[in-house]
Amino acid sequence: MAKLVRSSLRSYVEGVKKTIALKPLDDSEKLMLWDLRDEDCVNEWECISDEERGGGSQATFKSNKKGTGSVFEGVLNTSIKNTELKYSGYCAIRSKPVKYRSLDLMKMDRKDVSEFDAFEIRVRGDGRKFFANIHAPGLATRADNLWQYFIFTRGGPEWEDIILPFHKFFLTHRGYFQDRQVVLPLKSIATFGLLVADRVNGPFKLEIQHIKAVRCKEIHTEASEKELFDY
């Protein structure tokens, strides 16, 4: 998936070198979406990998013993043992969609982040790279579309707050960047997820403390291709 997005995105950002970095305001300008220090919240997420389709990758997602967050960890394996499997080497987690009944119809609960500018995710990573995945199904897009953006973890013992500006998310369909881009529908966020699929075999580990929606002030910066495509 990462390879598909990378190759298609190059032409898209060729003329978008200048971008906007966002600096979060104080805590009063933040909305907690998922507090992953809370085990009940962690239980509302699901973990998947290519193992379910015959691949060799494995992953788990659970609260850590210290109560400081949750742990997404496992082993990535790109080898293909099942001849019917076209792609291997991915593990992912996502919040489970919350459904409710209204007028005898099942509807999906959505999060409204339209009053904010970005997601803030506090993580402690191992230096690997991840995708943030947003599912927001609607009339203008297909049901299995995702809005995605890159997360580059630093590695090391310290927690870091990573800002994911809403305007940087791009629309994909089954891993393919879409030529016709649709703006992320901020009033109807159904699920938030994280994906590791960097084609590097071996163990990975990402600790996550929380995911918030934040208001930010704009800082004009220069984005390099290395930032976007060193993946």
Protein backbone atom coordinates (compact mmCIF):
# COMPACT_ATOMS: atom_id res chain seq x y z
CA MET A 1 0.00 0.00 0.00
CA ALA A 2 2.77 2.43 0.89
CA LYS A 3 4.42 1.85 -2.49
CA LEU A 4 1.19 2.53 -4.37
CA VAL A 5 0.51 5.76 -2.52
CA ARG A 6 4.11 6.90 -2.83
CA SER A 7 4.28 6.49 -6.61
CA SER A 8 0.93 8.18 -7.23
CA LEU A 9 1.54 11.07 -4.83
CA ARG A 10 4.73 12.33 -6.44
CA SER A 11 2.92 14.12 -9.25
CA TYR A 12 0.27 15.46 -6.87
CA VAL A 13 2.68 17.34 -4.61
CA GLU A 14 5.10 18.47 -7.31
CA GLY A 15 3.61 21.95 -7.14
CA VAL A 16 2.78 21.90 -3.44
CA LYS A 17 6.24 22.34 -1.93
CA LYS A 18 5.09 25.29 0.16
CA THR A 19 2.73 24.13 2.84
CA ILE A 20 1.41 25.21 6.22
CA ALA A 21 2.68 23.82 9.50
CA LEU A 22 0.34 24.05 12.47
CA LYS A 23 1.32 24.76 16.05
CA PRO A 24 -1.25 23.70 18.67
CA LEU A 25 -2.71 26.26 21.03
CA ASP A 26 -3.21 25.59 24.75
CA ASP A 27 -5.17 22.68 26.21
CA SER A 28 -8.43 24.66 26.19
CA GLU A 29 -8.28 24.46 22.39
CA LYS A 30 -8.14 20.65 22.34
CA LEU A 31 -10.80 17.93 22.25
CA MET A 32 -10.01 14.43 23.50
CA LEU A 33 -11.17 11.88 20.93
CA TRP A 34 -9.56 8.67 22.18
CA ASP A 35 -7.77 8.42 25.53
CA LEU A 36 -5.77 5.23 25.08
CA ARG A 37 -4.58 5.21 28.67
CA ASP A 38 -8.10 3.96 29.42
CA GLU A 39 -8.38 0.20 28.95
CA ASP A 40 -12.09 0.49 28.15
CA CYS A 41 -11.20 2.82 25.28
CA VAL A 42 -8.52 0.42 24.03
CA ASN A 43 -11.11 -2.37 23.98
CA GLU A 44 -13.13 -0.27 21.53
CA TRP A 45 -10.36 -0.67 18.95
CA GLU A 46 -9.56 -3.62 16.70
CA CYS A 47 -6.27 -4.99 15.40
CA ILE A 48 -5.84 -6.64 12.00
CA SER A 49 -2.99 -7.95 9.85
CA ASP A 50 -2.41 -9.85 6.63
CA GLU A 51 -2.32 -13.04 8.73
CA GLU A 52 -6.11 -13.10 8.44
CA ARG A 53 -5.72 -13.56 4.66
CA GLY A 54 -2.88 -16.05 4.78
CA GLY A 55 0.04 -13.65 5.24
CA GLY A 56 2.85 -13.91 7.77
CA SER A 57 2.49 -10.63 9.70
CA GLN A 58 1.20 -10.59 13.27
CA ALA A 59 0.17 -7.81 15.63
CA THR A 60 -1.50 -7.06 18.97
CA PHE A 61 -2.99 -3.93 20.51
CA LYS A 62 -3.45 -3.67 24.26
CA SER A 63 -2.95 -1.41 27.28
CA ASN A 64 0.56 -1.21 28.67
CA LYS A 65 1.26 -2.33 32.21
CA LYS A 66 2.09 1.19 33.47
CA GLY A 67 -1.24 2.69 32.46
CA THR A 68 0.49 5.39 30.41
CA GLY A 69 -0.96 4.32 27.07
CA SER A 70 -1.53 1.42 24.73
CA VAL A 71 0.89 -0.67 22.69
CA PHE A 72 0.56 -1.56 19.00
CA GLU A 73 3.28 -4.11 18.28
CA GLY A 74 4.05 -7.15 16.22
CA VAL A 75 6.14 -8.47 13.36
CA LEU A 76 5.89 -7.41 9.72
CA ASN A 77 6.44 -10.16 7.14
CA THR A 78 6.25 -9.40 3.42
CA SER A 79 6.66 -13.00 2.23
CA ILE A 80 3.68 -14.49 0.37
CA LYS A 81 2.91 -18.09 1.25
CA ASN A 82 -0.64 -18.17 -0.11
CA THR A 83 -0.56 -18.04 -3.93
CA GLU A 84 -3.94 -16.29 -3.96
CA LEU A 85 -2.58 -13.44 -1.82
CA LYS A 86 -1.43 -10.49 -3.93
CA TYR A 87 -0.01 -8.34 -1.13
CA SER A 88 1.54 -9.06 2.25
CA GLY A 89 3.30 -7.03 4.90
CA TYR A 90 0.80 -4.91 6.79
CA CYS A 91 -0.62 -4.56 10.29
CA ALA A 92 -3.22 -2.04 11.39
CA ILE A 93 -5.42 -0.87 14.22
CA ARG A 94 -8.56 1.25 14.11
CA SER A 95 -11.33 2.47 16.34
CA LYS A 96 -14.43 0.33 15.94
CA PRO A 97 -17.32 2.13 14.24
CA VAL A 98 -20.07 2.86 16.76
CA LYS A 99 -23.51 1.97 15.44
CA TYR A 100 -26.90 2.86 16.83
CA ARG A 101 -30.53 2.35 15.87
CA SER A 102 -32.66 5.26 14.68
CA LEU A 103 -36.17 4.85 13.28
CA ASP A 104 -35.54 1.12 12.79
CA LEU A 105 -32.39 1.84 10.78
CA MET A 106 -28.83 1.16 11.86
CA LYS A 107 -26.70 4.28 11.64
CA MET A 108 -23.02 4.93 12.32
CA ASP A 109 -21.98 7.44 14.96
CA ARG A 110 -19.63 10.11 13.58
CA LYS A 111 -17.20 12.49 15.27
CA ASP A 112 -17.45 16.16 14.33
CA VAL A 113 -14.04 17.89 14.32
CA SER A 114 -15.03 20.76 12.04
CA GLU A 115 -14.18 23.36 14.71
CA PHE A 116 -10.55 22.20 14.79
CA ASP A 117 -7.51 22.21 12.50
CA ALA A 118 -5.60 18.99 13.11
CA PHE A 119 -5.24 15.73 14.98
CA GLU A 120 -2.66 15.55 17.75
CA ILE A 121 -1.39 12.05 18.51
CA ARG A 122 1.00 11.43 21.40
CA VAL A 123 3.21 8.44 20.66
CA ARG A 124 6.47 6.76 21.53
CA GLY A 125 7.73 4.93 18.47
CA ASP A 126 10.65 2.85 17.31
CA GLY A 127 11.62 5.02 14.36
CA ARG A 128 9.38 3.26 11.86
CA LYS A 129 6.89 5.03 9.64
CA PHE A 130 3.14 4.65 9.77
CA PHE A 131 0.00 5.83 8.03
CA ALA A 132 -2.86 7.55 9.79
CA ASN A 133 -6.12 6.29 8.25
CA ILE A 134 -9.45 8.11 8.42
CA HIS A 135 -12.69 6.44 7.35
CA ALA A 136 -15.51 8.89 6.67
CA PRO A 137 -17.99 7.22 4.29
CA GLY A 138 -20.46 9.44 2.49
CA LEU A 139 -22.41 9.97 -0.71
CA ALA A 140 -19.43 11.53 -2.49
CA THR A 141 -17.03 8.61 -1.93
CA ARG A 142 -16.95 4.83 -2.05
CA ALA A 143 -17.42 2.84 1.13
CA ASP A 144 -13.84 1.50 1.23
CA ASN A 145 -12.11 4.84 0.64
CA LEU A 146 -9.65 6.17 3.21
CA TRP A 147 -8.07 9.54 3.87
CA GLN A 148 -4.41 8.99 4.75
CA TYR A 149 -1.34 10.86 5.92
CA PHE A 150 2.16 9.89 7.04
CA ILE A 151 3.41 9.57 10.61
CA PHE A 152 7.19 9.59 11.09
CA THR A 153 8.20 8.42 14.56
CA ARG A 154 11.46 9.53 16.12
CA GLY A 155 12.37 6.50 18.19
CA GLY A 156 13.88 6.65 21.66
CA PRO A 157 12.52 6.79 25.21
CA GLU A 158 10.58 10.08 25.03
CA TRP A 159 6.94 10.65 24.15
CA GLU A 160 6.30 13.00 21.22
CA ASP A 161 3.24 14.93 20.07
CA ILE A 162 2.73 14.61 16.32
CA ILE A 163 0.41 17.06 14.55
CA LEU A 164 -1.59 15.78 11.57
CA PRO A 165 -3.20 18.77 9.81
CA PHE A 166 -6.57 17.98 8.29
CA HIS A 167 -5.66 19.69 5.02
CA LYS A 168 -2.77 17.28 4.43
CA PHE A 169 -4.87 14.10 4.35
CA PHE A 170 -5.28 12.66 0.85
CA LEU A 171 -7.98 10.33 -0.49
CA THR A 172 -7.07 6.74 -1.40
CA HIS A 173 -9.05 3.75 -2.62
CA ARG A 174 -7.66 0.33 -1.68
CA GLY A 175 -4.19 1.82 -1.43
CA TYR A 176 -4.33 3.86 -4.64
CA PHE A 177 -4.07 7.64 -4.56
CA GLN A 178 -7.13 9.15 -6.25
CA ASP A 179 -6.74 11.72 -9.02
CA ARG A 180 -10.06 13.26 -8.01
CA GLN A 181 -9.39 14.41 -4.47
CA VAL A 182 -12.25 15.05 -2.03
CA VAL A 183 -11.73 17.15 1.09
CA LEU A 184 -11.81 15.19 4.34
CA PRO A 185 -15.41 15.51 5.66
CA LEU A 186 -14.69 16.82 9.13
CA LYS A 187 -18.24 16.45 10.42
CA SER A 188 -18.44 12.72 9.79
CA ILE A 189 -15.29 10.95 11.02
CA ALA A 190 -16.33 7.32 11.49
CA THR A 191 -13.01 5.70 12.45
CA PHE A 192 -9.36 6.60 13.05
CA GLY A 193 -6.64 4.04 12.44
CA LEU A 194 -2.90 3.45 12.14
CA LEU A 195 -1.16 1.27 9.57
CA VAL A 196 2.39 -0.02 9.29
CA ALA A 197 3.29 -1.22 5.80
CA ASP A 198 6.80 0.05 5.11
CA ARG A 199 8.04 -3.21 3.51
CA VAL A 200 10.64 -3.69 6.26
CA ASN A 201 10.48 -7.20 7.69
CA GLY A 202 10.83 -7.52 11.43
CA PRO A 203 9.38 -6.31 14.73
CA PHE A 204 7.68 -2.96 15.24
CA LYS A 205 6.32 -1.17 18.30
CA LEU A 206 4.27 1.98 18.72
CA GLU A 207 2.96 3.20 22.07
CA ILE A 208 0.00 5.59 21.90
CA GLN A 209 -1.29 7.76 24.71
CA HIS A 210 -4.07 9.78 23.13
CA ILE A 211 -5.58 11.21 19.97
CA LYS A 212 -7.04 14.72 20.14
CA ALA A 213 -8.52 17.30 17.81
CA VAL A 214 -6.68 20.61 18.22
CA ARG A 215 -6.93 24.22 17.13
CA CYS A 216 -3.68 25.61 15.81
CA LYS A 217 -1.99 28.72 14.55
CA GLU A 218 -0.46 28.63 11.10
CA ILE A 219 3.25 28.70 10.39
CA HIS A 220 4.28 28.85 6.73
CA THR A 221 7.08 26.42 5.97
CA GLU A 222 8.77 24.66 3.08
CA ALA A 223 7.95 20.95 2.74
CA SER A 224 10.61 18.75 1.19
CA GLU A 225 10.02 15.67 -0.93
CA LYS A 226 12.06 13.71 1.58
CA GLU A 227 9.46 14.48 4.25
CA LEU A 228 6.69 13.15 2.03
CA PHE A 229 8.39 10.32 0.18
CA ASP A 230 11.16 8.93 2.37
CA TYR A 231 8.91 5.92 2.91
